[in-house]
């Protein structure tokens, strides 16, 4: 089994740990279902029960990213809320069990939207409902009473927006391999147009279709928000900006969320207004949040390109960032002028 699972130091030890906490079982199986630069995910069967096991990636772009221990803490807090999420069964902070901390989650039989969608979900009305469900779920995140559920100290909301440009430029300097066209222009615009934060809230950090799960059959129901490793306490409007920055409207060039066909989805304005109604937050500075999202994403993906340039990656996706990162920065400047 260990030959088939090179990222687990000892599957037999994992089984023993699981049985210690969940009870002994005759059957045990573990199969990798996702791996790479993001968290590694395995399907675990123990007796009659099925789980998802997530562990950190083998290599991280930056030492501050992909902190699974924070996610374990967060999932424990989410159990007290109406935020749709995958239930945490066990969190293991002991790296000796499999070679890294990990979380064991209830298995979710739904789907994260990508083309092609399941039968029925390609219909225009279903696609509209999917988009509305995405916004409605985000509103539950933004409206969560993060202090009441034990997330005091989970982030530093004071000065959150004012720190963003310096925080991401500092990260870029740790792996900079070139000058990125117009990055300085976008950074300066963000510094000069930083709005006051309306209120602090829980921030997912990578909110988009690929990080939510829907039930596998109609009617449309968003049942879980997943991949919380970038979560913090800050300005909740950054999640809306991130989601809408990846959105694609008719006659627009594809953005970073090119994994789905954008036909028949509602436009950004309709979704933003639905979010504002649900949260009470003003959309006056929406362009800032969308521009900041592209600034942040461009710098994150430049880390992937740097790994390619330095010979630490051979992925075509990372090579493509030579051209895609400047496009992200240009897209951010476009949002700064049009929203």
Protein backbone atom coordinates (compact mmCIF):
# COMPACT_ATOMS: atom_id res chain seq x y z
CA UNK A 1 0.00 0.00 0.00
CA UNK A 2 2.84 2.44 0.80
CA UNK A 3 4.21 2.16 -2.76
CA UNK A 4 0.88 3.38 -4.14
CA UNK A 5 0.70 6.21 -1.61
CA UNK A 6 4.11 7.90 -1.59
CA UNK A 7 2.81 10.95 0.27
CA UNK A 8 1.79 8.91 3.32
CA UNK A 9 4.71 7.78 5.43
CA UNK A 10 2.92 4.70 6.81
CA UNK A 11 -0.69 3.82 5.83
CA UNK A 12 -0.75 1.05 8.44
CA UNK A 13 -0.05 3.61 11.14
CA UNK A 14 -2.87 5.79 9.78
CA UNK A 15 -5.26 2.85 10.02
CA UNK A 16 -4.25 2.22 13.62
CA UNK A 17 -4.78 5.89 14.50
CA UNK A 18 -8.21 5.96 12.82
CA UNK A 19 -9.32 2.77 14.56
CA UNK A 20 -8.14 4.17 17.88
CA UNK A 21 -10.53 7.12 17.44
CA UNK A 22 -13.36 5.60 15.39
CA UNK A 23 -13.35 1.95 16.35
CA UNK A 24 -11.86 -1.15 14.75
CA UNK A 25 -13.02 -2.26 11.31
CA UNK A 26 -12.40 -5.25 9.06
CA UNK A 27 -12.00 -3.19 5.90
CA UNK A 28 -9.64 -0.30 5.27
CA UNK A 29 -8.77 1.39 1.98
CA UNK A 30 -7.22 4.69 1.00
CA UNK A 31 -7.10 6.05 -2.55
CA UNK A 32 -5.60 9.39 -3.70
CA UNK A 33 -8.12 11.55 -5.54
CA UNK A 34 -6.29 14.89 -5.83
CA UNK A 35 -2.68 15.93 -5.59
CA UNK A 36 -0.24 18.57 -6.73
CA UNK A 37 0.39 22.13 -5.62
CA UNK A 38 -2.78 22.24 -3.56
CA UNK A 39 -3.70 20.09 -0.59
CA UNK A 40 -3.54 16.35 -1.20
CA UNK A 41 -6.88 14.58 -0.84
CA UNK A 42 -7.60 10.89 -0.30
CA UNK A 43 -10.77 8.84 -0.13
CA UNK A 44 -10.67 6.70 3.00
CA UNK A 45 -12.91 3.72 3.67
CA UNK A 46 -13.00 2.33 7.18
CA UNK A 47 -15.56 -0.40 7.64
CA UNK A 48 -18.89 0.88 6.28
CA UNK A 49 -17.92 4.56 6.53
CA UNK A 50 -16.28 6.76 3.89
CA UNK A 51 -14.27 9.89 4.58
CA UNK A 52 -12.09 12.45 2.83
CA UNK A 53 -8.57 12.94 4.20
CA UNK A 54 -6.76 16.19 3.43
CA UNK A 55 -3.10 16.88 4.10
CA UNK A 56 -0.87 19.84 3.11
CA UNK A 57 0.96 19.90 -0.23
CA UNK A 58 4.50 18.58 -0.41
CA UNK A 59 5.77 21.97 -1.60
CA UNK A 60 4.16 25.28 -0.84
CA UNK A 61 4.64 28.50 -2.84
CA UNK A 62 5.08 30.45 0.37
CA UNK A 63 5.66 29.46 4.00
CA UNK A 64 2.53 31.35 5.13
CA UNK A 65 0.12 29.47 2.84
CA UNK A 66 -1.83 26.23 3.15
CA UNK A 67 -1.91 26.10 6.93
CA UNK A 68 -4.03 23.04 7.66
CA UNK A 69 -3.91 23.51 11.41
CA UNK A 70 -5.76 26.81 11.04
CA UNK A 71 -8.33 25.10 8.86
CA UNK A 72 -8.92 22.44 11.51
CA UNK A 73 -9.58 25.16 14.07
CA UNK A 74 -11.90 26.94 11.67
CA UNK A 75 -13.94 23.84 10.81
CA UNK A 76 -14.51 23.23 14.51
CA UNK A 77 -15.88 26.78 14.77
CA UNK A 78 -18.06 26.45 11.66
CA UNK A 79 -19.96 23.59 13.29
CA UNK A 80 -21.71 26.28 15.37
CA UNK A 81 -22.97 28.24 12.34
CA UNK A 82 -25.37 28.00 9.41
CA UNK A 83 -22.44 28.19 6.97
CA UNK A 84 -22.61 25.19 4.62
CA UNK A 85 -19.42 23.19 5.09
CA UNK A 86 -18.07 19.65 5.14
CA UNK A 87 -18.17 18.26 8.67
CA UNK A 88 -14.84 17.75 10.40
CA UNK A 89 -14.73 14.23 11.85
CA UNK A 90 -11.18 14.29 13.22
CA UNK A 91 -8.27 16.71 13.14
CA UNK A 92 -4.78 15.33 13.64
CA UNK A 93 -2.10 17.84 14.59
CA UNK A 94 0.55 15.14 15.06
CA UNK A 95 2.72 15.06 11.93
CA UNK A 96 4.17 11.67 12.92
CA UNK A 97 1.01 9.76 11.95
CA UNK A 98 1.26 10.29 8.17
CA UNK A 99 4.14 12.73 7.82
CA UNK A 100 2.02 15.90 8.14
CA UNK A 101 -1.02 17.19 10.04
CA UNK A 102 -4.28 16.17 8.41
CA UNK A 103 -8.03 16.43 8.69
CA UNK A 104 -10.62 13.71 8.25
CA UNK A 105 -13.88 14.99 6.79
CA UNK A 106 -17.29 13.47 6.20
CA UNK A 107 -17.39 12.22 2.60
CA UNK A 108 -19.36 14.49 0.29
CA UNK A 109 -21.00 12.96 -2.76
CA UNK A 110 -21.70 16.24 -4.51
CA UNK A 111 -19.74 18.10 -7.20
CA UNK A 112 -17.65 21.24 -7.52
CA UNK A 113 -18.83 22.96 -10.71
CA UNK A 114 -16.67 22.46 -13.78
CA UNK A 115 -17.54 21.90 -17.41
CA UNK A 116 -19.31 19.62 -18.16
CA UNK A 117 -21.91 20.02 -15.44
CA UNK A 118 -24.08 17.07 -14.40
CA UNK A 119 -27.27 16.43 -16.39
CA UNK A 120 -29.85 19.14 -15.84
CA UNK A 121 -27.42 21.69 -14.44
CA UNK A 122 -26.57 22.97 -17.92
CA UNK A 123 -30.09 24.45 -18.21
CA UNK A 124 -30.25 28.27 -17.94
CA UNK A 125 -32.53 28.33 -14.88
CA UNK A 126 -30.37 25.82 -13.03
CA UNK A 127 -27.26 27.88 -13.78
CA UNK A 128 -28.92 31.03 -12.43
CA UNK A 129 -29.87 29.18 -9.26
CA UNK A 130 -26.31 27.91 -8.90
CA UNK A 131 -25.00 31.47 -9.04
CA UNK A 132 -27.56 32.75 -6.54
CA UNK A 133 -26.75 29.86 -4.19
CA UNK A 134 -23.06 30.77 -4.46
CA UNK A 135 -23.78 34.34 -3.37
CA UNK A 136 -26.21 33.31 -0.64
CA UNK A 137 -23.66 30.93 0.86
CA UNK A 138 -21.02 33.67 0.79
CA UNK A 139 -23.41 35.93 2.69
CA UNK A 140 -23.56 33.36 5.51
CA UNK A 141 -19.76 33.52 5.72
CA UNK A 142 -19.70 37.32 5.74
CA UNK A 143 -22.47 37.52 8.34
CA UNK A 144 -20.99 34.96 10.75
CA UNK A 145 -20.39 36.20 14.31
CA UNK A 146 -16.73 35.19 14.26
CA UNK A 147 -16.08 36.26 17.83
CA UNK A 148 -19.02 34.30 19.23
CA UNK A 149 -17.84 31.06 17.58
CA UNK A 150 -14.34 31.29 19.02
CA UNK A 151 -12.32 32.87 16.22
CA UNK A 152 -10.91 35.76 18.23
CA UNK A 153 -7.25 36.01 17.23
CA UNK A 154 -7.77 34.02 14.03
CA UNK A 155 -6.81 37.09 12.02
CA UNK A 156 -5.84 40.73 12.45
CA UNK A 157 -8.75 42.82 11.16
CA UNK A 158 -7.30 46.14 12.32
CA UNK A 159 -5.62 47.75 9.32
CA UNK A 160 -6.45 44.73 7.15
CA UNK A 161 -6.91 46.62 3.88
CA UNK A 162 -4.08 49.04 4.59
CA UNK A 163 -1.66 46.10 4.90
CA UNK A 164 -2.61 44.32 1.69
CA UNK A 165 -0.28 45.92 -0.84
CA UNK A 166 2.79 45.70 1.39
CA UNK A 167 1.92 42.15 2.47
CA UNK A 168 1.71 40.81 -1.10
CA UNK A 169 4.66 42.83 -2.42
CA UNK A 170 6.75 41.44 0.46
CA UNK A 171 5.74 37.92 -0.52
CA UNK A 172 6.64 38.62 -4.16
CA UNK A 173 10.16 39.69 -3.16
CA UNK A 174 10.79 36.24 -1.71
CA UNK A 175 10.64 34.69 -5.18
CA UNK A 176 10.76 37.57 -7.70
CA UNK A 177 12.30 36.51 -11.04
CA UNK A 178 11.28 39.44 -13.28
CA UNK A 179 9.52 42.79 -13.47
CA UNK A 180 5.76 42.37 -13.98
CA UNK A 181 4.29 44.98 -16.37
CA UNK A 182 2.05 47.57 -14.67
CA UNK A 183 2.24 45.89 -11.26
CA UNK A 184 3.54 49.10 -9.70
CA UNK A 185 0.71 51.07 -11.31
CA UNK A 186 -1.91 48.75 -9.83
CA UNK A 187 -0.20 48.74 -6.42
CA UNK A 188 -0.19 52.55 -6.36
CA UNK A 189 -3.86 52.75 -7.34
CA UNK A 190 -4.78 50.35 -4.55
CA UNK A 191 -2.80 52.39 -2.01
CA UNK A 192 -4.49 55.61 -3.12
CA UNK A 193 -8.00 54.16 -3.21
CA UNK A 194 -8.16 51.99 -0.10
CA UNK A 195 -11.67 52.35 1.34
CA UNK A 196 -12.47 52.22 5.05
CA UNK A 197 -13.45 48.70 6.10
CA UNK A 198 -17.16 48.64 6.89
CA UNK A 199 -16.88 45.80 9.39
CA UNK A 200 -14.61 42.88 10.11
CA UNK A 201 -15.78 39.43 9.11
CA UNK A 202 -14.76 35.90 8.29
CA UNK A 203 -13.00 35.75 4.91
CA UNK A 204 -12.70 32.47 2.98
CA UNK A 205 -9.81 33.74 0.86
CA UNK A 206 -10.46 31.80 -2.36
CA UNK A 207 -14.20 31.95 -2.86
CA UNK A 208 -15.28 30.67 -6.27
CA UNK A 209 -17.23 27.83 -7.88
CA UNK A 210 -14.34 25.38 -7.67
CA UNK A 211 -14.35 25.68 -3.86
CA UNK A 212 -17.99 24.85 -3.21
CA UNK A 213 -19.96 21.63 -3.52
CA UNK A 214 -23.48 21.17 -4.84
CA UNK A 215 -25.79 18.23 -4.34
CA UNK A 216 -25.43 15.87 -7.34
CA UNK A 217 -29.05 16.09 -8.50
CA UNK A 218 -31.62 18.84 -8.98
CA UNK A 219 -33.04 20.95 -7.41
CA UNK A 220 -29.97 23.14 -7.03
CA UNK A 221 -28.56 23.08 -3.50
CA UNK A 222 -25.14 24.29 -2.42
CA UNK A 223 -24.23 21.96 0.42
CA UNK A 224 -20.63 22.80 1.36
CA UNK A 225 -17.95 25.45 1.09
CA UNK A 226 -14.57 23.71 1.01
CA UNK A 227 -10.83 24.54 1.05
CA UNK A 228 -10.63 27.00 3.93
CA UNK A 229 -6.84 27.04 4.30
CA UNK A 230 -6.61 30.72 3.26
CA UNK A 231 -9.33 31.88 5.67
CA UNK A 232 -8.79 34.80 8.04
CA UNK A 233 -10.62 37.63 9.76
CA UNK A 234 -10.61 40.73 7.60
CA UNK A 235 -12.79 42.57 5.13
CA UNK A 236 -15.55 40.22 3.91
CA UNK A 237 -15.96 42.21 0.70
CA UNK A 238 -12.67 40.79 -0.51
CA UNK A 239 -14.41 37.44 -0.97
CA UNK A 240 -17.07 39.08 -3.13
CA UNK A 241 -14.37 40.87 -5.12
CA UNK A 242 -12.48 37.59 -5.62
CA UNK A 243 -15.58 35.76 -6.80
CA UNK A 244 -16.60 38.52 -9.21
CA UNK A 245 -13.05 39.09 -10.52
CA UNK A 246 -13.11 35.53 -11.83
CA UNK A 247 -16.60 35.91 -13.27
CA UNK A 248 -16.98 36.19 -17.02
CA UNK A 249 -19.69 38.19 -18.73
CA UNK A 250 -20.60 38.08 -22.45
CA UNK A 251 -17.89 39.44 -24.78
CA UNK A 252 -15.25 39.39 -22.02
CA UNK A 253 -12.00 37.51 -22.25
CA UNK A 254 -11.71 34.48 -20.00
CA UNK A 255 -10.41 35.16 -16.49
CA UNK A 256 -8.70 32.83 -14.06
CA UNK A 257 -11.88 30.77 -13.51
CA UNK A 258 -11.81 29.21 -16.98
CA UNK A 259 -12.85 25.78 -15.72
CA UNK A 260 -16.54 26.48 -16.36
CA UNK A 261 -18.69 27.67 -19.27
CA UNK A 262 -20.08 31.05 -18.19
CA UNK A 263 -23.09 31.08 -20.51
CA UNK A 264 -26.46 31.86 -18.88
CA UNK A 265 -25.07 32.89 -15.49
CA UNK A 266 -26.29 36.22 -14.03
CA UNK A 267 -24.07 39.27 -14.38
CA UNK A 268 -21.80 40.69 -11.70
CA UNK A 269 -24.07 43.59 -10.81
CA UNK A 270 -27.08 41.38 -10.11
CA UNK A 271 -25.02 39.08 -7.90
CA UNK A 272 -23.33 41.95 -6.07
CA UNK A 273 -26.68 43.55 -5.30
CA UNK A 274 -28.03 40.25 -3.97
CA UNK A 275 -25.00 40.01 -1.68
CA UNK A 276 -25.41 43.62 -0.51
CA UNK A 277 -29.05 43.01 0.36
CA UNK A 278 -28.14 39.90 2.38
CA UNK A 279 -25.22 41.49 4.26
CA UNK A 280 -26.05 45.17 4.46
CA UNK A 281 -22.59 46.03 3.05
CA UNK A 282 -22.14 48.91 0.60
CA UNK A 283 -20.89 48.22 -2.93
CA UNK A 284 -19.46 51.71 -3.39
CA UNK A 285 -15.86 50.43 -3.65
CA UNK A 286 -16.55 47.17 -5.49
CA UNK A 287 -13.91 47.99 -8.12
CA UNK A 288 -11.25 48.21 -5.40
CA UNK A 289 -12.01 44.71 -4.11
CA UNK A 290 -11.98 43.20 -7.60
CA UNK A 291 -8.71 44.98 -8.42
CA UNK A 292 -7.18 43.83 -5.11
CA UNK A 293 -8.26 40.26 -5.88
CA UNK A 294 -6.37 40.30 -9.19
CA UNK A 295 -3.33 41.93 -7.58
CA UNK A 296 -3.24 39.20 -4.94
CA UNK A 297 -3.84 36.36 -7.39
CA UNK A 298 -1.22 37.65 -9.81
CA UNK A 299 1.42 37.66 -7.08
CA UNK A 300 0.41 34.20 -5.85
CA UNK A 301 0.63 32.77 -9.36
CA UNK A 302 3.95 34.51 -9.96
CA UNK A 303 5.21 32.18 -7.24
CA UNK A 304 4.22 29.23 -9.42
CA UNK A 305 5.97 30.81 -12.40
CA UNK A 306 9.10 31.39 -10.31
CA UNK A 307 9.18 27.70 -9.43
CA UNK A 308 8.99 26.89 -13.15
CA UNK A 309 11.80 29.33 -14.02
CA UNK A 310 14.01 27.88 -11.28
CA UNK A 311 13.44 24.33 -12.49
CA UNK A 312 11.32 23.28 -9.53
CA UNK A 313 8.22 22.70 -11.65
CA UNK A 314 7.59 21.35 -15.12
CA UNK A 315 3.83 21.97 -15.14
CA UNK A 316 2.51 23.64 -18.29
CA UNK A 317 0.11 25.62 -16.10
CA UNK A 318 3.03 27.19 -14.27
CA UNK A 319 4.86 27.96 -17.52
CA UNK A 320 1.73 29.69 -18.79
CA UNK A 321 1.96 32.19 -15.96
CA UNK A 322 4.67 34.01 -17.94
CA UNK A 323 1.78 35.54 -19.90
CA UNK A 324 -1.17 35.00 -17.54
CA UNK A 325 0.20 36.94 -14.57
CA UNK A 326 0.59 40.20 -16.56
CA UNK A 327 -2.95 39.62 -17.86
CA UNK A 328 -4.20 39.33 -14.27
CA UNK A 329 -2.58 42.64 -13.37
CA UNK A 330 -4.08 44.29 -16.46
CA UNK A 331 -7.47 42.85 -15.52
CA UNK A 332 -7.12 44.38 -12.06
CA UNK A 333 -6.45 47.79 -13.58
CA UNK A 334 -9.49 47.34 -15.83
CA UNK A 335 -11.70 46.66 -12.80
CA UNK A 336 -10.28 49.73 -11.06
CA UNK A 337 -11.63 51.90 -13.86
CA UNK A 338 -14.96 50.21 -14.62
CA UNK A 339 -16.53 49.28 -11.26
